[in-house]
Protein backbone atom coordinates (compact mmCIF):
# COMPACT_ATOMS: atom_id res chain seq x y z
CA MET A 1 40.65 38.08 72.05
CA THR A 2 38.94 35.58 69.82
CA VAL A 3 36.06 36.36 67.52
CA LYS A 4 33.43 33.68 66.94
CA ALA A 5 30.50 33.85 64.56
CA TYR A 6 27.45 31.78 65.44
CA ILE A 7 25.48 30.84 62.34
CA ARG A 8 22.24 28.92 62.91
CA VAL A 9 19.62 27.53 60.57
CA SER A 10 16.54 25.62 61.67
CA THR A 11 16.69 22.82 59.10
CA SER A 12 19.38 21.21 56.99
CA SER A 13 17.58 22.39 53.85
CA GLN A 14 18.28 26.03 54.75
CA ASP A 15 21.43 27.81 53.63
CA VAL A 16 23.93 29.62 55.86
CA ALA A 17 25.39 31.68 52.99
CA ASN A 18 23.42 34.88 53.66
CA GLN A 19 24.27 34.88 57.37
CA LYS A 20 27.93 34.18 56.66
CA HIS A 21 28.09 36.95 54.07
CA GLY A 22 26.74 39.61 56.44
CA VAL A 23 28.94 38.56 59.33
CA SER A 24 31.97 38.28 57.06
CA GLU A 25 31.48 41.80 55.69
CA TYR A 26 31.20 43.25 59.20
CA ALA A 27 34.26 41.33 60.41
CA LYS A 28 36.27 42.49 57.42
CA MET A 29 35.31 46.10 58.13
CA LYS A 30 36.46 45.70 61.76
CA GLY A 31 39.62 43.76 60.89
CA PHE A 32 38.44 40.63 62.74
CA GLU A 33 39.51 37.12 61.90
CA ILE A 34 36.55 34.86 62.66
CA ASP A 35 35.95 31.26 63.59
CA TYR A 36 32.53 30.18 62.30
CA ILE A 37 30.37 27.87 64.36
CA GLU A 38 27.49 26.51 62.28
CA ASP A 39 24.47 24.94 63.93
CA THR A 40 21.32 23.30 62.61
CA ALA A 41 18.73 23.46 65.37
CA SER A 42 15.28 24.86 65.93
CA GLY A 43 15.11 28.12 67.86
CA ARG A 44 12.57 26.34 70.05
CA LYS A 45 15.31 24.10 71.41
CA ASN A 46 16.86 25.56 74.56
CA TRP A 47 19.99 27.54 73.68
CA LYS A 48 22.01 25.59 76.27
CA GLU A 49 21.28 22.38 74.34
CA ARG A 50 22.34 23.83 70.98
CA GLY A 51 25.84 24.51 69.71
CA LEU A 52 25.46 28.00 71.16
CA GLY A 53 25.56 26.69 74.73
CA GLU A 54 28.75 24.77 74.04
CA LEU A 55 30.26 27.78 72.29
CA LEU A 56 29.51 30.19 75.11
CA GLU A 57 31.14 27.85 77.62
CA THR A 58 34.43 28.15 75.72
CA MET A 59 34.42 31.94 75.43
CA GLN A 60 36.49 34.12 77.75
CA ALA A 61 36.06 37.70 78.95
CA GLY A 62 36.91 40.04 76.07
CA ASP A 63 36.01 37.56 73.33
CA VAL A 64 33.52 38.66 70.68
CA LEU A 65 30.45 36.79 69.47
CA LEU A 66 28.98 37.82 66.12
CA VAL A 67 25.56 36.81 64.80
CA ALA A 68 23.79 37.85 61.62
CA GLU A 69 20.71 38.84 63.61
CA VAL A 70 19.53 38.46 67.18
CA SER A 71 16.89 35.90 66.17
CA ARG A 72 19.75 33.46 65.49
CA LEU A 73 20.44 33.45 69.24
CA ALA A 74 16.95 33.05 70.66
CA ARG A 75 13.24 33.38 70.04
CA SER A 76 12.46 35.74 72.91
CA THR A 77 13.92 38.79 74.61
CA GLN A 78 13.98 36.86 77.87
CA GLN A 79 16.21 34.17 76.32
CA VAL A 80 18.53 36.80 74.80
CA LEU A 81 18.89 38.46 78.21
CA GLU A 82 19.62 35.07 79.79
CA ILE A 83 22.35 34.44 77.21
CA LEU A 84 23.85 37.88 77.77
CA SER A 85 24.00 37.40 81.51
């Protein structure tokens, strides 16, 4: 099992520190060692065309994906459900 953390900001002037802190604290509590994948892309860009699409292609059954909040994955419930499927 691998544990990946997807950290996304919309612009290069934004900081990933808060997202990393929250994910790191959770991972520490669960005893996970994490690989961080950082992405700078608008949530309006299709998730398949962001680093998230590439990341999900590499994940295997049983792997864990952590995000600081669901809005880092997608802008709509429909997109989140598409990602989960």
